PDB file of N, CA and C in Angstrom:
ATOM      1  N   MET A   1     196.251-108.107-118.977  1.00  0.00           N
ATOM      2  CA  MET A   1     195.778-107.108-118.033  1.00  0.00           C
ATOM      3  C   MET A   1     195.551-105.826-118.943  1.00  0.00           C
ATOM      4  N   GLY A   2     194.386-105.057-118.351  1.00  0.00           N
ATOM      5  CA  GLY A   2     194.472-103.521-118.711  1.00  0.00           C
ATOM      6  C   GLY A   2     195.072-102.797-117.996  1.00  0.00           C
ATOM      7  N   GLN A   3     195.277-101.496-118.450  1.00  0.00           N
ATOM      8  CA  GLN A   3     196.216-100.615-118.078  1.00  0.00           C
ATOM      9  C   GLN A   3     195.563-100.163-116.508  1.00  0.00           C
ATOM     10  N   GLN A   4     194.568-100.249-116.228  1.00  0.00           N
ATOM     11  CA  GLN A   4     193.800-100.316-114.818  1.00  0.00           C
ATOM     12  C   GLN A   4     194.207-101.079-113.970  1.00  0.00           C
ATOM     13  N   GLU A   5     194.735-102.426-113.927  1.00  0.00           N
ATOM     14  CA  GLU A   5     195.208-103.510-113.667  1.00  0.00           C
ATOM     15  C   GLU A   5     196.311-103.514-113.162  1.00  0.00           C
ATOM     16  N   THR A   6     197.341-102.828-113.925  1.00  0.00           N
ATOM     17  CA  THR A   6     198.387-102.911-113.489  1.00  0.00           C
ATOM     18  C   THR A   6     199.185-101.675-112.817  1.00  0.00           C
ATOM     19  N   GLY A   7     199.490-101.516-111.810  1.00  0.00           N
ATOM     20  CA  GLY A   7     200.381-100.229-111.299  1.00  0.00           C
ATOM     21  C   GLY A   7     198.917 -99.466-110.928  1.00  0.00           C
ATOM     22  N   TYR A   8     199.637 -98.151-110.740  1.00  0.00           N
ATOM     23  CA  TYR A   8     199.068 -97.036-109.896  1.00  0.00           C
ATOM     24  C   TYR A   8     198.618 -96.219-111.140  1.00  0.00           C
ATOM     25  N   ASP A   9     196.966 -96.367-110.951  1.00  0.00           N
ATOM     26  CA  ASP A   9     196.177 -95.280-111.973  1.00  0.00           C
ATOM     27  C   ASP A   9     195.720 -93.818-111.347  1.00  0.00           C
ATOM     28  N   TYR A  10     196.721 -93.025-110.913  1.00  0.00           N
ATOM     29  CA  TYR A  10     196.495 -91.791-110.657  1.00  0.00           C
ATOM     30  C   TYR A  10     195.251 -91.032-110.585  1.00  0.00           C
ATOM     31  N   HIS A  11     194.924 -90.906-112.194  1.00  0.00           N
ATOM     32  CA  HIS A  11     193.570 -90.352-112.461  1.00  0.00           C
ATOM     33  C   HIS A  11     192.318 -91.035-111.806  1.00  0.00           C
ATOM     34  N   ARG A  12     192.443 -92.299-111.879  1.00  0.00           N
ATOM     35  CA  ARG A  12     191.104 -93.121-111.252  1.00  0.00           C
ATOM     36  C   ARG A  12     191.093 -92.861-109.673  1.00  0.00           C
ATOM     37  N   TYR A  13     192.064 -92.829-109.156  1.00  0.00           N
ATOM     38  CA  TYR A  13     192.091 -92.687-107.800  1.00  0.00           C
ATOM     39  C   TYR A  13     191.577 -91.092-107.552  1.00  0.00           C
ATOM     40  N   LYS A  14     192.066 -90.485-108.130  1.00  0.00           N
ATOM     41  CA  LYS A  14     191.668 -89.102-107.650  1.00  0.00           C
ATOM     42  C   LYS A  14     190.331 -88.632-107.999  1.00  0.00           C
ATOM     43  N   LYS A  15     189.595 -89.462-108.997  1.00  0.00           N
ATOM     44  CA  LYS A  15     188.522 -89.524-109.308  1.00  0.00           C
ATOM     45  C   LYS A  15     187.792 -90.029-108.098  1.00  0.00           C
ATOM     46  N   LEU A  16     188.128 -91.182-107.667  1.00  0.00           N
ATOM     47  CA  LEU A  16     187.328 -91.604-106.858  1.00  0.00           C
ATOM     48  C   LEU A  16     187.496 -91.150-105.221  1.00  0.00           C
ATOM     49  N   LEU A  17     188.612 -90.359-105.219  1.00  0.00           N
ATOM     50  CA  LEU A  17     188.681 -89.556-104.138  1.00  0.00           C
ATOM     51  C   LEU A  17     187.991 -88.434-104.078  1.00  0.00           C
ATOM     52  N   ALA A  18     187.744 -87.832-105.116  1.00  0.00           N
ATOM     53  CA  ALA A  18     186.576 -86.670-105.320  1.00  0.00           C
ATOM     54  C   ALA A  18     185.371 -87.161-104.977  1.00  0.00           C
ATOM     55  N   GLU A  19     184.902 -88.201-105.276  1.00  0.00           N
ATOM     56  CA  GLU A  19     183.444 -89.054-105.070  1.00  0.00           C
ATOM     57  C   GLU A  19     183.644 -89.419-103.680  1.00  0.00           C
ATOM     58  N   ALA A  20     184.663 -89.450-102.974  1.00  0.00           N
ATOM     59  CA  ALA A  20     184.375 -89.989-101.428  1.00  0.00           C
ATOM     60  C   ALA A  20     183.894 -88.716-100.643  1.00  0.00           C
ATOM     61  N   VAL A  21     182.559 -88.569-100.527  1.00  0.00           N
ATOM     62  CA  VAL A  21     182.054 -87.497 -99.831  1.00  0.00           C
ATOM     63  C   VAL A  21     181.754 -87.751 -98.326  1.00  0.00           C
ATOM     64  N   ASP A  22     181.546 -88.899 -98.299  1.00  0.00           N
ATOM     65  CA  ASP A  22     181.495 -89.269 -96.933  1.00  0.00           C
ATOM     66  C   ASP A  22     182.212 -90.342 -96.132  1.00  0.00           C
ATOM     67  N   ASP A  23     181.981 -90.422 -94.796  1.00  0.00           N
ATOM     68  CA  ASP A  23     182.698 -91.388 -94.246  1.00  0.00           C
ATOM     69  C   ASP A  23     182.821 -92.741 -94.906  1.00  0.00           C
ATOM     70  N   GLY A  24     181.671 -93.240 -95.243  1.00  0.00           N
ATOM     71  CA  GLY A  24     181.526 -94.476 -95.758  1.00  0.00           C
ATOM     72  C   GLY A  24     182.210 -94.934 -96.708  1.00  0.00           C
ATOM     73  N   LYS A  25     182.385 -93.912 -97.922  1.00  0.00           N
ATOM     74  CA  LYS A  25     182.907 -94.016 -99.036  1.00  0.00           C
ATOM     75  C   LYS A  25     184.426 -93.669 -99.036  1.00  0.00           C
ATOM     76  N   ARG A  26     184.597 -92.984 -98.326  1.00  0.00           N
ATOM     77  CA  ARG A  26     186.620 -92.916 -97.698  1.00  0.00           C
ATOM     78  C   ARG A  26     186.727 -94.083 -97.222  1.00  0.00           C
ATOM     79  N   LEU A  27     185.950 -94.873 -96.595  1.00  0.00           N
ATOM     80  CA  LEU A  27     186.376 -96.004 -95.720  1.00  0.00           C
ATOM     81  C   LEU A  27     186.524 -97.346 -97.214  1.00  0.00           C
ATOM     82  N   GLU A  28     185.737 -97.115 -98.214  1.00  0.00           N
ATOM     83  CA  GLU A  28     185.445 -97.795 -99.314  1.00  0.00           C
ATOM     84  C   GLU A  28     186.549 -97.972 -99.997  1.00  0.00           C
ATOM     85  N   LEU A  29     186.951 -96.384-100.454  1.00  0.00           N
ATOM     86  CA  LEU A  29     188.068 -96.279-101.291  1.00  0.00           C
ATOM     87  C   LEU A  29     189.529 -96.655-100.369  1.00  0.00           C
ATOM     88  N   ILE A  30     189.681 -96.548 -99.078  1.00  0.00           N
ATOM     89  CA  ILE A  30     190.895 -96.988 -98.389  1.00  0.00           C
ATOM     90  C   ILE A  30     190.843 -98.690 -98.069  1.00  0.00           C
ATOM     91  N   GLU A  31     189.866 -99.475 -98.530  1.00  0.00           N
ATOM     92  CA  GLU A  31     189.947-100.664 -98.546  1.00  0.00           C
ATOM     93  C   GLU A  31     190.084-101.266 -99.977  1.00  0.00           C
ATOM     94  N   LEU A  32     189.747-100.149-101.236  1.00  0.00           N
ATOM     95  CA  LEU A  32     189.971-100.692-102.487  1.00  0.00           C
ATOM     96  C   LEU A  32     191.552-100.480-102.746  1.00  0.00           C
ATOM     97  N   LEU A  33     192.129 -99.512-102.083  1.00  0.00           N
ATOM     98  CA  LEU A  33     193.684 -99.175-102.199  1.00  0.00           C
ATOM     99  C   LEU A  33     194.463-100.473-101.448  1.00  0.00           C
ATOM    100  N   ILE A  34     193.771-100.591-100.361  1.00  0.00           N
ATOM    101  CA  ILE A  34     194.430-102.010 -99.847  1.00  0.00           C
ATOM    102  C   ILE A  34     194.573-103.036-100.610  1.00  0.00           C
ATOM    103  N   ARG A  35     193.021-103.423-101.029  1.00  0.00           N
ATOM    104  CA  ARG A  35     193.213-104.850-101.839  1.00  0.00           C
ATOM    105  C   ARG A  35     194.008-104.475-102.960  1.00  0.00           C
ATOM    106  N   GLU A  36     194.029-103.409-103.843  1.00  0.00           N
ATOM    107  CA  GLU A  36     194.507-103.396-104.936  1.00  0.00           C
ATOM    108  C   GLU A  36     196.236-103.396-104.843  1.00  0.00           C
ATOM    109  N   ARG A  37     196.492-102.777-103.500  1.00  0.00           N
ATOM    110  CA  ARG A  37     197.961-103.227-103.460  1.00  0.00           C
ATOM    111  C   ARG A  37     198.624-104.431-102.687  1.00  0.00           C
ATOM    112  N   ALA A  38     197.676-105.271-102.440  1.00  0.00           N
ATOM    113  CA  ALA A  38     197.692-106.549-101.824  1.00  0.00           C
ATOM    114  C   ALA A  38     197.950-107.230-102.905  1.00  0.00           C
ATOM    115  N   ARG A  39     196.914-107.306-104.385  1.00  0.00           N
ATOM    116  CA  ARG A  39     197.254-107.780-105.658  1.00  0.00           C
ATOM    117  C   ARG A  39     198.231-107.642-106.150  1.00  0.00           C
ATOM    118  N   ASP A  40     198.847-106.346-106.149  1.00  0.00           N
ATOM    119  CA  ASP A  40     200.273-105.889-106.769  1.00  0.00           C
ATOM    120  C   ASP A  40     201.237-107.021-106.232  1.00  0.00           C
ATOM    121  N   LYS A  41     201.334-106.856-105.060  1.00  0.00           N
ATOM    122  CA  LYS A  41     202.132-107.695-104.216  1.00  0.00           C
ATOM    123  C   LYS A  41     202.279-109.464-104.434  1.00  0.00           C
ATOM    124  N   LEU A  42     201.021-109.522-104.220  1.00  0.00           N
ATOM    125  CA  LEU A  42     200.956-110.890-105.195  1.00  0.00           C
ATOM    126  C   LEU A  42     201.335-111.260-106.283  1.00  0.00           C
ATOM    127  N   GLU A  43     201.248-110.404-107.223  1.00  0.00           N
ATOM    128  CA  GLU A  43     201.423-110.643-108.505  1.00  0.00           C
ATOM    129  C   GLU A  43     202.823-110.390-108.411  1.00  0.00           C
ATOM    130  N   ALA A  44     203.655-109.467-107.856  1.00  0.00           N
ATOM    131  CA  ALA A  44     205.064-109.641-107.858  1.00  0.00           C
ATOM    132  C   ALA A  44     205.764-110.514-107.240  1.00  0.00           C
ATOM    133  N   GLN A  45     205.270-111.500-106.414  1.00  0.00           N
ATOM    134  CA  GLN A  45     205.796-112.647-105.572  1.00  0.00           C
ATOM    135  C   GLN A  45     205.545-113.507-106.500  1.00  0.00           C
ATOM    136  N   ARG A  46     204.445-113.695-107.329  1.00  0.00           N
ATOM    137  CA  ARG A  46     204.438-114.870-108.310  1.00  0.00           C
ATOM    138  C   ARG A  46     205.442-114.482-109.189  1.00  0.00           C
ATOM    139  N   THR A  47     205.775-113.332-109.977  1.00  0.00           N
ATOM    140  CA  THR A  47     206.580-113.323-110.813  1.00  0.00           C
ATOM    141  C   THR A  47     208.075-113.815-110.110  1.00  0.00           C
ATOM    142  N   SER A  48     208.330-113.393-108.763  1.00  0.00           N
ATOM    143  CA  SER A  48     209.414-113.683-108.577  1.00  0.00           C
ATOM    144  C   SER A  48     209.588-115.224-108.345  1.00  0.00           C
ATOM    145  N   ASP A  49     208.570-115.608-108.513  1.00  0.00           N
ATOM    146  CA  ASP A  49     208.834-117.079-108.140  1.00  0.00           C
ATOM    147  C   ASP A  49     208.916-117.916-109.390  1.00  0.00           C
ATOM    148  N   ARG A  50     208.158-117.565-110.532  1.00  0.00           N
ATOM    149  CA  ARG A  50     208.325-117.809-111.831  1.00  0.00           C
ATOM    150  C   ARG A  50     209.856-118.072-111.877  1.00  0.00           C
ATOM    151  N   VAL A  51     210.612-116.618-111.983  1.00  0.00           N
ATOM    152  CA  VAL A  51     211.727-116.302-112.385  1.00  0.00           C
ATOM    153  C   VAL A  51     212.653-117.284-111.516  1.00  0.00           C
ATOM    154  N   ALA A  52     212.500-117.420-110.306  1.00  0.00           N
ATOM    155  CA  ALA A  52     213.253-118.349-109.606  1.00  0.00           C
ATOM    156  C   ALA A  52     213.319-119.787-110.049  1.00  0.00           C
ATOM    157  N   MET A  53     211.991-120.276-110.254  1.00  0.00           N
ATOM    158  CA  MET A  53     211.849-121.593-110.767  1.00  0.00           C
ATOM    159  C   MET A  53     212.470-122.141-112.155  1.00  0.00           C
ATOM    160  N   THR A  54     212.461-120.851-113.135  1.00  0.00           N
ATOM    161  CA  THR A  54     213.079-120.895-114.360  1.00  0.00           C
ATOM    162  C   THR A  54     214.571-120.904-113.951  1.00  0.00           C
ATOM    163  N   ALA A  55     215.219-120.110-113.227  1.00  0.00           N
ATOM    164  CA  ALA A  55     216.644-120.217-113.081  1.00  0.00           C
ATOM    165  C   ALA A  55     216.859-121.753-112.532  1.00  0.00           C
ATOM    166  N   GLN A  56     216.088-122.223-111.670  1.00  0.00           N
ATOM    167  CA  GLN A  56     216.426-123.492-111.277  1.00  0.00           C
ATOM    168  C   GLN A  56     216.603-124.746-112.289  1.00  0.00           C
ATOM    169  N   THR A  57     215.441-124.800-112.956  1.00  0.00           N
ATOM    170  CA  THR A  57     215.199-125.594-114.228  1.00  0.00           C
ATOM    171  C   THR A  57     216.585-125.497-115.177  1.00  0.00           C
ATOM    172  N   VAL A  58     216.945-124.123-115.588  1.00  0.00           N
ATOM    173  CA  VAL A  58     218.153-123.878-116.344  1.00  0.00           C
ATOM    174  C   VAL A  58     219.383-124.335-115.412  1.00  0.00           C
ATOM    175  N   ALA A  59     219.439-124.216-114.420  1.00  0.00           N
ATOM    176  CA  ALA A  59     220.606-124.781-113.609  1.00  0.00           C
ATOM    177  C   ALA A  59     220.444-126.083-113.624  1.00  0.00           C
ATOM    178  N   ARG A  60     219.544-126.569-113.727  1.00  0.00           N
ATOM    179  CA  ARG A  60     219.720-128.171-113.388  1.00  0.00           C
ATOM    180  C   ARG A  60     219.797-128.706-114.720  1.00  0.00           C
ATOM    181  N   VAL A  61     219.380-128.249-115.850  1.00  0.00           N
ATOM    182  CA  VAL A  61     219.603-128.504-117.311  1.00  0.00           C
ATOM    183  C   VAL A  61     220.958-128.353-117.586  1.00  0.00           C
ATOM    184  N   LEU A  62     221.519-127.358-117.311  1.00  0.00           N
ATOM    185  CA  LEU A  62     223.017-127.277-117.148  1.00  0.00           C
ATOM    186  C   LEU A  62     224.051-127.970-116.668  1.00  0.00           C
ATOM    187  N   GLY A  63     223.773-128.133-115.633  1.00  0.00           N
ATOM    188  CA  GLY A  63     224.345-129.014-114.706  1.00  0.00           C
ATOM    189  C   GLY A  63     224.253-130.611-115.366  1.00  0.00           C
ATOM    190  N   THR A  64     223.106-130.916-115.462  1.00  0.00           N
ATOM    191  CA  THR A  64     223.226-132.237-116.428  1.00  0.00           C
ATOM    192  C   THR A  64     223.957-132.357-117.556  1.00  0.00           C
ATOM    193  N   SER A  65     223.779-131.502-118.377  1.00  0.00           N
ATOM    194  CA  SER A  65     224.448-131.671-119.667  1.00  0.00           C
ATOM    195  C   SER A  65     225.933-131.713-119.496  1.00  0.00           C
ATOM    196  N   ARG A  66     226.306-130.518-118.096  1.00  0.00           N
ATOM    197  CA  ARG A  66     227.819-130.623-117.852  1.00  0.00           C
ATOM    198  C   ARG A  66     228.370-132.372-117.613  1.00  0.00           C
ATOM    199  N   SER A  67     227.578-132.920-116.765  1.00  0.00           N
ATOM    200  CA  SER A  67     227.563-134.245-115.917  1.00  0.00           C
ATOM    201  C   SER A  67     227.835-134.945-117.285  1.00  0.00           C
ATOM    202  N   ARG A  68     227.005-135.027-118.377  1.00  0.00           N
ATOM    203  CA  ARG A  68     227.164-135.926-119.376  1.00  0.00           C
ATOM    204  C   ARG A  68     228.464-135.754-120.364  1.00  0.00           C
ATOM    205  N   ASP A  69     228.910-134.300-120.449  1.00  0.00           N
ATOM    206  CA  ASP A  69     229.947-134.055-121.251  1.00  0.00           C
ATOM    207  C   ASP A  69     231.271-134.427-120.562  1.00  0.00           C
ATOM    208  N   SER A  70     231.145-134.965-119.137  1.00  0.00           N
ATOM    209  CA  SER A  70     232.545-135.124-118.197  1.00  0.00           C
ATOM    210  C   SER A  70     232.816-136.652-118.941  1.00  0.00           C
ATOM    211  N   PHE A  71     232.033-137.562-118.919  1.00  0.00           N
ATOM    212  CA  PHE A  71     232.058-138.595-119.388  1.00  0.00           C
ATOM    213  C   PHE A  71     232.631-139.177-120.468  1.00  0.00           C
TER     214      PHE A  71
END
């Protein structure tokens, strides 16, 4: 992912705001901000899910190896 795709790009949003000289362009900017924030939240959720799945897998593998060690 490029820099614009990750996180808040202050300079890009400032430029877009300066270009939003009428209601239509302002609404487009608002919709863009909403979409990008939603995308960021979705990516954060996916990352959280991957971390949880990895932790579960590690716990399962460690639990299985401990069970075998007890025999």
